[in-house]
C-alpha atoms as a PDB file:
ATOM      1  CA  UNK A   1      78.154 -26.454 -15.872  1.00  0.00           C
ATOM      2  CA  UNK A   2      74.504 -25.281 -16.803  1.00  0.00           C
ATOM      3  CA  UNK A   3      73.838 -21.724 -15.912  1.00  0.00           C
ATOM      4  CA  UNK A   4      70.035 -20.809 -16.187  1.00  0.00           C
ATOM      5  CA  UNK A   5      68.538 -17.749 -14.694  1.00  0.00           C
ATOM      6  CA  UNK A   6      71.708 -16.620 -13.221  1.00  0.00           C
ATOM      7  CA  UNK A   7      71.820 -20.014 -11.170  1.00  0.00           C
ATOM      8  CA  UNK A   8      74.403 -22.751 -11.587  1.00  0.00           C
ATOM      9  CA  UNK A   9      72.668 -25.996 -11.848  1.00  0.00           C
ATOM     10  CA  UNK A  10      74.335 -28.943  -9.730  1.00  0.00           C
ATOM     11  CA  UNK A  11      76.080 -31.266 -12.341  1.00  0.00           C
ATOM     12  CA  UNK A  12      75.306 -34.647 -10.996  1.00  0.00           C
ATOM     13  CA  UNK A  13      71.517 -34.171 -10.410  1.00  0.00           C
ATOM     14  CA  UNK A  14      68.717 -35.203 -12.642  1.00  0.00           C
ATOM     15  CA  UNK A  15      67.562 -32.113 -14.558  1.00  0.00           C
ATOM     16  CA  UNK A  16      64.017 -32.460 -13.208  1.00  0.00           C
ATOM     17  CA  UNK A  17      65.530 -31.539  -9.568  1.00  0.00           C
ATOM     18  CA  UNK A  18      68.142 -29.379 -10.554  1.00  0.00           C
ATOM     19  CA  UNK A  19      65.718 -26.936 -11.918  1.00  0.00           C
ATOM     20  CA  UNK A  20      64.078 -26.508  -8.671  1.00  0.00           C
ATOM     21  CA  UNK A  21      67.313 -24.707  -7.517  1.00  0.00           C
ATOM     22  CA  UNK A  22      65.975 -21.804  -9.682  1.00  0.00           C
ATOM     23  CA  UNK A  23      63.840 -19.541  -7.178  1.00  0.00           C
ATOM     24  CA  UNK A  24      60.332 -19.581  -8.298  1.00  0.00           C
ATOM     25  CA  UNK A  25      60.624 -23.085  -9.980  1.00  0.00           C
ATOM     26  CA  UNK A  26      59.008 -26.057  -8.188  1.00  0.00           C
ATOM     27  CA  UNK A  27      59.004 -29.767  -9.065  1.00  0.00           C
ATOM     28  CA  UNK A  28      55.761 -29.370 -10.943  1.00  0.00           C
ATOM     29  CA  UNK A  29      57.032 -26.436 -13.046  1.00  0.00           C
ATOM     30  CA  UNK A  30      60.185 -27.962 -13.834  1.00  0.00           C
ATOM     31  CA  UNK A  31      58.366 -30.973 -15.106  1.00  0.00           C
ATOM     32  CA  UNK A  32      56.187 -28.919 -17.261  1.00  0.00           C
ATOM     33  CA  UNK A  33      59.073 -27.226 -18.729  1.00  0.00           C
ATOM     34  CA  UNK A  34      60.777 -30.423 -19.748  1.00  0.00           C
ATOM     35  CA  UNK A  35      57.862 -31.927 -21.148  1.00  0.00           C
ATOM     36  CA  UNK A  36      57.422 -28.618 -23.262  1.00  0.00           C
ATOM     37  CA  UNK A  37      60.952 -28.927 -24.498  1.00  0.00           C
ATOM     38  CA  UNK A  38      61.027 -32.812 -24.859  1.00  0.00           C
ATOM     39  CA  UNK A  39      63.742 -33.427 -22.428  1.00  0.00           C
ATOM     40  CA  UNK A  40      63.637 -36.589 -20.495  1.00  0.00           C
ATOM     41  CA  UNK A  41      63.307 -36.281 -16.633  1.00  0.00           C
ATOM     42  CA  UNK A  42      66.013 -38.791 -16.047  1.00  0.00           C
ATOM     43  CA  UNK A  43      68.727 -36.819 -18.042  1.00  0.00           C
ATOM     44  CA  UNK A  44      71.474 -35.467 -15.778  1.00  0.00           C
ATOM     45  CA  UNK A  45      72.633 -31.716 -15.971  1.00  0.00           C
ATOM     46  CA  UNK A  46      76.179 -32.994 -17.244  1.00  0.00           C
ATOM     47  CA  UNK A  47      74.608 -34.975 -19.973  1.00  0.00           C
ATOM     48  CA  UNK A  48      72.680 -31.852 -21.321  1.00  0.00           C
ATOM     49  CA  UNK A  49      74.208 -30.104 -24.603  1.00  0.00           C
ATOM     50  CA  UNK A  50      74.173 -26.249 -25.116  1.00  0.00           C
ATOM     51  CA  UNK A  51      71.057 -26.495 -27.311  1.00  0.00           C
ATOM     52  CA  UNK A  52      68.905 -28.265 -24.585  1.00  0.00           C
ATOM     53  CA  UNK A  53      70.202 -25.770 -22.094  1.00  0.00           C
ATOM     54  CA  UNK A  54      69.286 -22.805 -24.145  1.00  0.00           C
ATOM     55  CA  UNK A  55      65.788 -24.347 -25.130  1.00  0.00           C
ATOM     56  CA  UNK A  56      65.060 -24.819 -21.116  1.00  0.00           C
ATOM     57  CA  UNK A  57      66.290 -21.241 -20.619  1.00  0.00           C
ATOM     58  CA  UNK A  58      64.389 -19.747 -23.315  1.00  0.00           C
ATOM     59  CA  UNK A  59      61.181 -21.573 -21.923  1.00  0.00           C
ATOM     60  CA  UNK A  60      61.764 -20.287 -18.416  1.00  0.00           C
ATOM     61  CA  UNK A  61      62.369 -16.732 -19.788  1.00  0.00           C
ATOM     62  CA  UNK A  62      59.337 -16.570 -21.715  1.00  0.00           C
ATOM     63  CA  UNK A  63      57.017 -18.143 -19.268  1.00  0.00           C
ATOM     64  CA  UNK A  64      58.172 -17.919 -15.768  1.00  0.00           C
ATOM     65  CA  UNK A  65      58.932 -14.919 -13.449  1.00  0.00           C
ATOM     66  CA  UNK A  66      62.044 -16.168 -11.379  1.00  0.00           C
ATOM     67  CA  UNK A  67      64.974 -15.117  -9.050  1.00  0.00           C
ATOM     68  CA  UNK A  68      65.301 -11.338  -8.687  1.00  0.00           C
ATOM     69  CA  UNK A  69      62.110 -10.372 -10.412  1.00  0.00           C
ATOM     70  CA  UNK A  70      60.119 -12.612  -8.348  1.00  0.00           C
ATOM     71  CA  UNK A  71      61.695 -11.672  -5.186  1.00  0.00           C
ATOM     72  CA  UNK A  72      61.033  -8.181  -5.987  1.00  0.00           C
ATOM     73  CA  UNK A  73      57.546  -8.491  -6.799  1.00  0.00           C
ATOM     74  CA  UNK A  74      56.716 -10.469  -3.586  1.00  0.00           C
ATOM     75  CA  UNK A  75      58.422  -7.655  -1.646  1.00  0.00           C
ATOM     76  CA  UNK A  76      56.531  -4.842  -3.462  1.00  0.00           C
ATOM     77  CA  UNK A  77      53.233  -6.931  -2.798  1.00  0.00           C
ATOM     78  CA  UNK A  78      53.857  -7.153   1.068  1.00  0.00           C
ATOM     79  CA  UNK A  79      54.781  -3.321   0.932  1.00  0.00           C
ATOM     80  CA  UNK A  80      51.439  -2.682  -0.703  1.00  0.00           C
ATOM     81  CA  UNK A  81      49.653  -4.690   2.114  1.00  0.00           C
ATOM     82  CA  UNK A  82      51.384  -2.672   4.689  1.00  0.00           C
ATOM     83  CA  UNK A  83      50.811   0.622   3.019  1.00  0.00           C
ATOM     84  CA  UNK A  84      47.117   0.157   2.610  1.00  0.00           C
ATOM     85  CA  UNK A  85      46.992  -0.989   6.156  1.00  0.00           C
ATOM     86  CA  UNK A  86      45.115  -4.143   5.574  1.00  0.00           C
ATOM     87  CA  UNK A  87      45.133  -6.952   8.403  1.00  0.00           C
ATOM     88  CA  UNK A  88      47.858  -8.843   6.622  1.00  0.00           C
ATOM     89  CA  UNK A  89      49.880  -5.889   6.301  1.00  0.00           C
ATOM     90  CA  UNK A  90      49.503  -4.988  10.017  1.00  0.00           C
ATOM     91  CA  UNK A  91      50.746  -8.564  10.785  1.00  0.00           C
ATOM     92  CA  UNK A  92      53.696  -8.179   8.551  1.00  0.00           C
ATOM     93  CA  UNK A  93      54.653  -4.854  10.093  1.00  0.00           C
ATOM     94  CA  UNK A  94      54.612  -6.389  13.715  1.00  0.00           C
ATOM     95  CA  UNK A  95      56.467  -9.500  12.809  1.00  0.00           C
ATOM     96  CA  UNK A  96      53.601 -11.926  13.693  1.00  0.00           C
ATOM     97  CA  UNK A  97      52.277 -14.941  11.893  1.00  0.00           C
ATOM     98  CA  UNK A  98      50.050 -13.721   8.984  1.00  0.00           C
ATOM     99  CA  UNK A  99      47.916 -16.642   8.103  1.00  0.00           C
ATOM    100  CA  UNK A 100      45.675 -17.019  11.219  1.00  0.00           C
ATOM    101  CA  UNK A 101      48.244 -19.003  13.256  1.00  0.00           C
ATOM    102  CA  UNK A 102      47.668 -18.953  17.109  1.00  0.00           C
ATOM    103  CA  UNK A 103      50.433 -16.959  18.917  1.00  0.00           C
ATOM    104  CA  UNK A 104      49.688 -17.713  22.668  1.00  0.00           C
ATOM    105  CA  UNK A 105      52.128 -20.698  22.957  1.00  0.00           C
ATOM    106  CA  UNK A 106      53.684 -21.014  19.537  1.00  0.00           C
ATOM    107  CA  UNK A 107      54.886 -18.665  16.699  1.00  0.00           C
ATOM    108  CA  UNK A 108      58.409 -18.447  18.011  1.00  0.00           C
ATOM    109  CA  UNK A 109      59.953 -18.542  14.578  1.00  0.00           C
ATOM    110  CA  UNK A 110      58.063 -15.393  13.570  1.00  0.00           C
ATOM    111  CA  UNK A 111      58.060 -13.652  17.091  1.00  0.00           C
ATOM    112  CA  UNK A 112      61.692 -14.205  17.873  1.00  0.00           C
ATOM    113  CA  UNK A 113      63.356 -15.397  21.060  1.00  0.00           C
ATOM    114  CA  UNK A 114      61.408 -15.068  24.176  1.00  0.00           C
ATOM    115  CA  UNK A 115      61.260 -11.902  26.151  1.00  0.00           C
ATOM    116  CA  UNK A 116      60.950 -12.636  29.805  1.00  0.00           C
ATOM    117  CA  UNK A 117      58.751 -10.328  31.728  1.00  0.00           C
ATOM    118  CA  UNK A 118      60.183  -9.321  35.000  1.00  0.00           C
ATOM    119  CA  UNK A 119      59.739 -11.509  38.210  1.00  0.00           C
ATOM    120  CA  UNK A 120      57.903 -10.281  41.319  1.00  0.00           C
END
């Protein structure tokens, strides 16, 4: 079992897809990491030896912010937007869509369950 950045990677998956289980690493980043350490994309996680796992872990630790640190940074960035009172911060505070989506008919994911206004 390969454990990188505190995440157990699935044994049977190809390494390029298994690395995407780490928060903050997508497919493109995964491929860039594997190219840098000269590991084939087709290799399965179970086929990796300890040296290859440590190379990948070292590369991720040096060049990428992942898991807890990244989550903390994103939370702090959102909190900063709210503190300065920017438009985006206000939308976050109110629980409404932040990126300009319409809210008249949709946005149920962000606004929550429909609140029916009383009948006449």
